[in-house]
Protein backbone atom coordinates (compact mmCIF):
# COMPACT_ATOMS: atom_id res chain seq x y z
CA UNK A 1 63.02 119.87 261.69
CA UNK A 2 63.89 123.25 261.87
CA UNK A 3 62.63 125.99 260.45
CA UNK A 4 62.31 129.94 260.85
CA UNK A 5 58.97 132.18 260.11
CA UNK A 6 58.88 135.00 258.16
CA UNK A 7 56.18 137.49 257.22
CA UNK A 8 56.21 138.02 254.03
CA UNK A 9 53.52 141.06 254.68
CA UNK A 10 56.36 143.05 256.85
CA UNK A 11 59.51 141.48 255.77
CA UNK A 12 60.49 140.44 259.18
CA UNK A 13 61.70 137.32 261.23
CA UNK A 14 59.57 136.40 263.38
CA UNK A 15 60.21 133.54 264.70
CA UNK A 16 63.98 132.24 264.33
CA UNK A 17 63.66 128.21 265.90
CA UNK A 18 60.16 126.97 263.98
CA UNK A 19 59.99 123.34 265.25
CA UNK A 20 57.76 121.45 262.91
CA UNK A 21 55.37 118.96 263.63
CA UNK A 22 54.31 116.65 260.90
CA UNK A 23 53.85 113.26 262.76
CA UNK A 24 51.23 111.48 264.15
CA UNK A 25 53.25 111.70 267.55
CA UNK A 26 54.68 114.85 267.16
CA UNK A 27 51.30 116.65 266.58
CA UNK A 28 49.94 114.43 269.72
CA UNK A 29 52.18 115.60 271.92
CA UNK A 30 52.82 119.08 270.86
CA UNK A 31 53.75 121.24 273.95
CA UNK A 32 53.13 118.73 276.26
CA UNK A 33 55.72 118.26 279.00
CA UNK A 34 57.83 121.38 277.91
CA UNK A 35 58.52 123.81 281.47
CA UNK A 36 58.57 126.75 278.73
CA UNK A 37 59.46 128.62 275.44
CA UNK A 38 61.57 130.84 274.67
CA UNK A 39 60.75 133.71 272.48
CA UNK A 40 62.56 132.68 269.81
CA UNK A 41 61.16 129.20 269.75
CA UNK A 42 57.61 127.85 268.69
CA UNK A 43 55.90 125.15 266.73
CA UNK A 44 53.82 124.66 264.16
CA UNK A 45 51.65 121.82 264.60
CA UNK A 46 50.37 121.09 260.37
CA UNK A 47 47.09 119.32 260.05
CA UNK A 48 45.82 121.20 262.92
CA UNK A 49 42.62 124.08 263.05
CA UNK A 50 41.99 123.57 266.66
CA UNK A 51 44.29 123.00 270.15
CA UNK A 52 43.57 122.06 273.79
CA UNK A 53 46.13 123.71 276.97
CA UNK A 54 45.49 120.59 278.92
CA UNK A 55 48.27 119.61 281.01
CA UNK A 56 50.35 122.48 279.53
CA UNK A 57 52.23 124.21 282.74
CA UNK A 58 52.49 127.21 280.56
CA UNK A 59 49.84 129.67 278.24
CA UNK A 60 51.09 129.97 274.77
CA UNK A 61 50.11 132.25 271.33
CA UNK A 62 48.74 131.01 268.85
CA UNK A 63 48.63 131.77 264.83
CA UNK A 64 46.36 130.01 262.76
CA UNK A 65 46.96 129.96 259.06
CA UNK A 66 45.60 128.45 256.25
CA UNK A 67 47.65 125.91 253.34
CA UNK A 68 49.07 129.15 252.37
CA UNK A 69 50.28 130.67 255.14
CA UNK A 70 48.24 133.17 255.39
CA UNK A 71 46.66 134.41 258.95
CA UNK A 72 43.25 133.08 260.01
CA UNK A 73 43.19 133.97 263.80
CA UNK A 74 45.24 135.07 266.56
CA UNK A 75 44.70 133.83 270.10
CA UNK A 76 47.15 135.53 272.78
CA UNK A 77 47.42 134.38 276.30
CA UNK A 78 45.67 130.68 275.49
CA UNK A 79 45.96 129.44 279.47
CA UNK A 80 46.30 125.93 280.72
CA UNK A 81 43.07 123.88 280.30
CA UNK A 82 41.72 125.95 278.28
CA UNK A 83 40.43 125.04 274.42
CA UNK A 84 40.47 126.83 271.64
CA UNK A 85 37.78 125.67 268.98
CA UNK A 86 37.67 124.62 265.36
CA UNK A 87 39.29 128.26 263.57
CA UNK A 88 37.40 127.96 259.96
CA UNK A 89 39.95 127.48 256.95
CA UNK A 90 42.72 126.79 259.15
CA UNK A 91 45.27 124.38 258.66
CA UNK A 92 47.84 124.43 261.04
CA UNK A 93 49.34 126.06 263.68
CA UNK A 94 51.79 128.02 264.92
CA UNK A 95 52.28 127.92 268.94
CA UNK A 96 54.86 130.34 271.04
CA UNK A 97 54.98 131.64 274.31
CA UNK A 98 52.70 133.98 275.53
CA UNK A 99 53.20 137.51 275.01
CA UNK A 100 55.60 136.88 272.08
CA UNK A 101 53.11 138.09 269.70
CA UNK A 102 52.74 141.41 271.35
CA UNK A 103 55.86 142.02 269.99
CA UNK A 104 55.21 141.36 266.31
CA UNK A 105 53.22 143.23 263.90
CA UNK A 106 51.07 139.83 262.78
CA UNK A 107 47.61 140.88 262.23
CA UNK A 108 45.13 138.74 259.97
CA UNK A 109 45.23 138.52 256.54
CA UNK A 110 48.82 138.62 256.69
CA UNK A 111 51.23 136.08 254.74
CA UNK A 112 53.84 134.42 256.31
CA UNK A 113 56.27 132.04 254.94
CA UNK A 114 58.70 128.85 256.61
CA UNK A 115 61.81 128.44 255.66
CA UNK A 116 65.61 127.69 255.99
């Protein structure tokens, strides 16, 4: 499923092509096996409050959100072979190419929205 990620706080479209991982298989695979992500692409992994980048081929930026899509934590430039420990209160994570968050005005506490 593809969707659009918007910031309700700033009224901006953040990601035009948001892929949603909801099944056990898609959540488990995540971004493994991909060579890169385009700046307008991201992966939203449900039921996930921590991540690892073992076996990945590129660094990523991550936005952890709670069940209401309020931003709980932001991690920039997470390189391959790293572990991000559980984020208290987060229920999912949005992963994007490293450097993408530097072009967005996303802060902890911001309200996000996913739609079509």
